[in-house]
PDB file of N, CA and C in Angstrom:
ATOM      1  N   MET A   1       0.745  -1.122   0.077  1.00  0.00           N
ATOM      2  CA  MET A   1       0.018   0.016   0.153  1.00  0.00           C
ATOM      3  C   MET A   1       0.821   1.257  -0.011  1.00  0.00           C
ATOM      4  N   ASN A   2       0.589   2.142  -0.982  1.00  0.00           N
ATOM      5  CA  ASN A   2       1.287   3.343  -1.003  1.00  0.00           C
ATOM      6  C   ASN A   2       0.745   4.557  -0.156  1.00  0.00           C
ATOM      7  N   PHE A   3       1.439   4.905   1.074  1.00  0.00           N
ATOM      8  CA  PHE A   3       0.549   5.806   1.898  1.00  0.00           C
ATOM      9  C   PHE A   3       0.571   7.080   1.558  1.00  0.00           C
ATOM     10  N   SER A   4       1.634   7.497   0.569  1.00  0.00           N
ATOM     11  CA  SER A   4       1.447   8.767   0.105  1.00  0.00           C
ATOM     12  C   SER A   4       0.270   9.107  -0.940  1.00  0.00           C
ATOM     13  N   ASP A   5      -0.097   7.949  -1.540  1.00  0.00           N
ATOM     14  CA  ASP A   5      -1.211   7.980  -2.276  1.00  0.00           C
ATOM     15  C   ASP A   5      -2.528   8.052  -1.532  1.00  0.00           C
ATOM     16  N   VAL A   6      -2.424   7.301  -0.372  1.00  0.00           N
ATOM     17  CA  VAL A   6      -3.645   7.439   0.554  1.00  0.00           C
ATOM     18  C   VAL A   6      -3.749   8.705   1.126  1.00  0.00           C
ATOM     19  N   LEU A   7      -2.886   9.205   1.638  1.00  0.00           N
ATOM     20  CA  LEU A   7      -2.861  10.603   2.230  1.00  0.00           C
ATOM     21  C   LEU A   7      -3.273  11.576   1.071  1.00  0.00           C
ATOM     22  N   LYS A   8      -2.962  11.505  -0.038  1.00  0.00           N
ATOM     23  CA  LYS A   8      -3.424  12.396  -0.989  1.00  0.00           C
ATOM     24  C   LYS A   8      -4.917  12.358  -1.291  1.00  0.00           C
ATOM     25  N   THR A   9      -5.262  10.989  -1.437  1.00  0.00           N
ATOM     26  CA  THR A   9      -6.706  10.774  -1.400  1.00  0.00           C
ATOM     27  C   THR A   9      -7.485  11.234  -0.151  1.00  0.00           C
ATOM     28  N   LEU A  10      -7.090  11.004   1.004  1.00  0.00           N
ATOM     29  CA  LEU A  10      -7.739  11.573   2.139  1.00  0.00           C
ATOM     30  C   LEU A  10      -7.880  12.977   2.168  1.00  0.00           C
ATOM     31  N   ASN A  11      -6.773  13.793   1.629  1.00  0.00           N
ATOM     32  CA  ASN A  11      -6.881  15.153   1.698  1.00  0.00           C
ATOM     33  C   ASN A  11      -7.909  15.742   0.793  1.00  0.00           C
ATOM     34  N   GLN A  12      -8.377  14.860  -0.091  1.00  0.00           N
ATOM     35  CA  GLN A  12      -9.272  15.269  -1.082  1.00  0.00           C
ATOM     36  C   GLN A  12     -10.824  14.887  -0.756  1.00  0.00           C
ATOM     37  N   ALA A  13     -10.856  14.082   0.266  1.00  0.00           N
ATOM     38  CA  ALA A  13     -12.100  13.600   0.784  1.00  0.00           C
ATOM     39  C   ALA A  13     -12.914  14.590   1.387  1.00  0.00           C
ATOM     40  N   SER A  14     -14.049  14.383   1.395  1.00  0.00           N
ATOM     41  CA  SER A  14     -15.096  15.158   2.153  1.00  0.00           C
ATOM     42  C   SER A  14     -15.181  14.864   3.777  1.00  0.00           C
ATOM     43  N   SER A  15     -15.680  15.651   4.562  1.00  0.00           N
ATOM     44  CA  SER A  15     -15.723  15.292   5.943  1.00  0.00           C
ATOM     45  C   SER A  15     -16.557  14.014   6.292  1.00  0.00           C
ATOM     46  N   PHE A  16     -17.514  13.924   5.430  1.00  0.00           N
ATOM     47  CA  PHE A  16     -18.494  12.722   5.459  1.00  0.00           C
ATOM     48  C   PHE A  16     -17.776  11.509   5.201  1.00  0.00           C
ATOM     49  N   GLU A  17     -17.013  11.664   3.944  1.00  0.00           N
ATOM     50  CA  GLU A  17     -16.271  10.285   3.606  1.00  0.00           C
ATOM     51  C   GLU A  17     -15.189   9.941   4.584  1.00  0.00           C
ATOM     52  N   LEU A  18     -14.624  10.946   5.298  1.00  0.00           N
ATOM     53  CA  LEU A  18     -13.564  10.672   6.263  1.00  0.00           C
ATOM     54  C   LEU A  18     -14.202  10.081   7.573  1.00  0.00           C
ATOM     55  N   TYR A  19     -15.341  10.568   7.861  1.00  0.00           N
ATOM     56  CA  TYR A  19     -16.181   9.914   9.000  1.00  0.00           C
ATOM     57  C   TYR A  19     -16.370   8.390   8.671  1.00  0.00           C
ATOM     58  N   ARG A  20     -16.855   8.244   7.566  1.00  0.00           N
ATOM     59  CA  ARG A  20     -17.353   6.860   7.024  1.00  0.00           C
ATOM     60  C   ARG A  20     -16.140   5.921   7.121  1.00  0.00           C
ATOM     61  N   MET A  21     -15.007   6.571   6.594  1.00  0.00           N
ATOM     62  CA  MET A  21     -13.718   5.651   6.503  1.00  0.00           C
ATOM     63  C   MET A  21     -13.320   5.326   8.069  1.00  0.00           C
ATOM     64  N   ARG A  22     -13.277   6.343   9.009  1.00  0.00           N
ATOM     65  CA  ARG A  22     -12.963   6.223  10.360  1.00  0.00           C
ATOM     66  C   ARG A  22     -13.743   5.153  10.922  1.00  0.00           C
ATOM     67  N   ALA A  23     -15.052   5.050  10.719  1.00  0.00           N
ATOM     68  CA  ALA A  23     -16.086   4.194  11.225  1.00  0.00           C
ATOM     69  C   ALA A  23     -15.727   2.852  10.744  1.00  0.00           C
ATOM     70  N   ALA A  24     -15.398   2.809   9.439  1.00  0.00           N
ATOM     71  CA  ALA A  24     -14.991   1.369   8.921  1.00  0.00           C
ATOM     72  C   ALA A  24     -13.710   0.765   9.501  1.00  0.00           C
ATOM     73  N   ILE A  25     -12.658   1.799   9.662  1.00  0.00           N
ATOM     74  CA  ILE A  25     -11.416   1.444  10.247  1.00  0.00           C
ATOM     75  C   ILE A  25     -11.703   0.791  11.752  1.00  0.00           C
ATOM     76  N   ASP A  26     -12.320   1.548  12.554  1.00  0.00           N
ATOM     77  CA  ASP A  26     -12.782   1.206  13.884  1.00  0.00           C
ATOM     78  C   ASP A  26     -13.501   0.037  13.951  1.00  0.00           C
ATOM     79  N   LYS A  27     -14.215  -0.358  13.084  1.00  0.00           N
ATOM     80  CA  LYS A  27     -15.047  -1.546  13.046  1.00  0.00           C
ATOM     81  C   LYS A  27     -13.945  -2.712  12.865  1.00  0.00           C
ATOM     82  N   VAL A  28     -13.232  -2.679  11.862  1.00  0.00           N
ATOM     83  CA  VAL A  28     -12.242  -3.618  11.505  1.00  0.00           C
ATOM     84  C   VAL A  28     -11.194  -3.983  12.715  1.00  0.00           C
ATOM     85  N   LEU A  29     -10.836  -2.678  13.319  1.00  0.00           N
ATOM     86  CA  LEU A  29      -9.738  -3.041  14.508  1.00  0.00           C
ATOM     87  C   LEU A  29     -10.355  -3.541  15.725  1.00  0.00           C
ATOM     88  N   HIS A  30     -11.635  -3.400  15.875  1.00  0.00           N
ATOM     89  CA  HIS A  30     -12.300  -3.888  16.975  1.00  0.00           C
ATOM     90  C   HIS A  30     -12.979  -5.221  16.900  1.00  0.00           C
ATOM     91  N   GLU A  31     -12.573  -5.954  15.621  1.00  0.00           N
ATOM     92  CA  GLU A  31     -12.965  -7.447  15.480  1.00  0.00           C
ATOM     93  C   GLU A  31     -12.177  -8.407  16.553  1.00  0.00           C
ATOM     94  N   PRO A  32     -12.991  -9.261  17.026  1.00  0.00           N
ATOM     95  CA  PRO A  32     -12.268 -10.026  18.025  1.00  0.00           C
ATOM     96  C   PRO A  32     -11.112 -10.691  17.496  1.00  0.00           C
ATOM     97  N   CYS A  33     -11.083 -11.233  16.288  1.00  0.00           N
ATOM     98  CA  CYS A  33      -9.939 -12.052  15.998  1.00  0.00           C
ATOM     99  C   CYS A  33      -8.633 -11.119  15.860  1.00  0.00           C
ATOM    100  N   ARG A  34      -8.866  -9.796  15.482  1.00  0.00           N
ATOM    101  CA  ARG A  34      -7.563  -8.971  15.447  1.00  0.00           C
ATOM    102  C   ARG A  34      -7.174  -8.586  16.787  1.00  0.00           C
ATOM    103  N   GLN A  35      -8.002  -8.386  17.852  1.00  0.00           N
ATOM    104  CA  GLN A  35      -7.713  -8.067  19.250  1.00  0.00           C
ATOM    105  C   GLN A  35      -7.042  -9.310  19.675  1.00  0.00           C
ATOM    106  N   MET A  36      -7.560 -10.485  19.463  1.00  0.00           N
ATOM    107  CA  MET A  36      -6.678 -11.745  20.027  1.00  0.00           C
ATOM    108  C   MET A  36      -5.363 -11.940  19.493  1.00  0.00           C
ATOM    109  N   ALA A  37      -5.071 -11.372  18.130  1.00  0.00           N
ATOM    110  CA  ALA A  37      -3.915 -11.634  17.693  1.00  0.00           C
ATOM    111  C   ALA A  37      -3.061 -10.652  18.239  1.00  0.00           C
ATOM    112  N   ILE A  38      -3.361  -9.392  18.700  1.00  0.00           N
ATOM    113  CA  ILE A  38      -2.473  -8.542  19.259  1.00  0.00           C
ATOM    114  C   ILE A  38      -2.293  -8.939  20.798  1.00  0.00           C
ATOM    115  N   TYR A  39      -3.205  -9.364  21.403  1.00  0.00           N
ATOM    116  CA  TYR A  39      -2.996  -9.765  22.799  1.00  0.00           C
ATOM    117  C   TYR A  39      -2.141 -10.965  22.770  1.00  0.00           C
ATOM    118  N   ALA A  40      -2.136 -11.847  21.863  1.00  0.00           N
ATOM    119  CA  ALA A  40      -1.218 -12.900  21.800  1.00  0.00           C
ATOM    120  C   ALA A  40       0.095 -12.541  21.743  1.00  0.00           C
ATOM    121  N   LYS A  41       0.497 -11.390  21.192  1.00  0.00           N
ATOM    122  CA  LYS A  41       2.002 -11.024  20.941  1.00  0.00           C
ATOM    123  C   LYS A  41       2.408 -10.112  22.125  1.00  0.00           C
ATOM    124  N   LEU A  42       1.526  -9.831  22.991  1.00  0.00           N
ATOM    125  CA  LEU A  42       1.832  -8.932  24.095  1.00  0.00           C
ATOM    126  C   LEU A  42       2.564  -9.881  25.286  1.00  0.00           C
ATOM    127  N   ARG A  43       3.372  -9.387  26.036  1.00  0.00           N
ATOM    128  CA  ARG A  43       4.109  -9.949  27.090  1.00  0.00           C
ATOM    129  C   ARG A  43       3.996  -9.089  28.310  1.00  0.00           C
ATOM    130  N   ILE A  44       3.899  -9.687  29.457  1.00  0.00           N
ATOM    131  CA  ILE A  44       3.977  -8.983  30.787  1.00  0.00           C
ATOM    132  C   ILE A  44       5.286  -8.237  30.861  1.00  0.00           C
ATOM    133  N   GLY A  45       5.214  -6.849  31.272  1.00  0.00           N
ATOM    134  CA  GLY A  45       6.405  -6.046  31.308  1.00  0.00           C
ATOM    135  C   GLY A  45       6.678  -5.530  29.909  1.00  0.00           C
ATOM    136  N   GLN A  46       6.143  -5.717  28.982  1.00  0.00           N
ATOM    137  CA  GLN A  46       6.442  -5.096  27.616  1.00  0.00           C
ATOM    138  C   GLN A  46       6.002  -3.696  27.714  1.00  0.00           C
ATOM    139  N   ASP A  47       6.811  -2.911  27.047  1.00  0.00           N
ATOM    140  CA  ASP A  47       6.583  -1.487  26.945  1.00  0.00           C
ATOM    141  C   ASP A  47       5.739  -1.346  25.729  1.00  0.00           C
ATOM    142  N   ILE A  48       4.648  -0.561  25.821  1.00  0.00           N
ATOM    143  CA  ILE A  48       3.679  -0.293  24.792  1.00  0.00           C
ATOM    144  C   ILE A  48       3.727   1.263  24.503  1.00  0.00           C
ATOM    145  N   LYS A  49       4.077   1.484  23.177  1.00  0.00           N
ATOM    146  CA  LYS A  49       4.206   2.843  22.993  1.00  0.00           C
ATOM    147  C   LYS A  49       3.245   3.290  21.788  1.00  0.00           C
TER     148      LYS A  49
END
């Protein structure tokens, strides 16, 4: 994924389109399988930044 192209596209998007994109990203990030994959990689005492 070319993030420069993504940023160009986002800069041209309307506020409504940006809101819809954020809602879609939030939905994907909060899927249980994604969260479990993240938790599986965390270790006690690990710094999280």
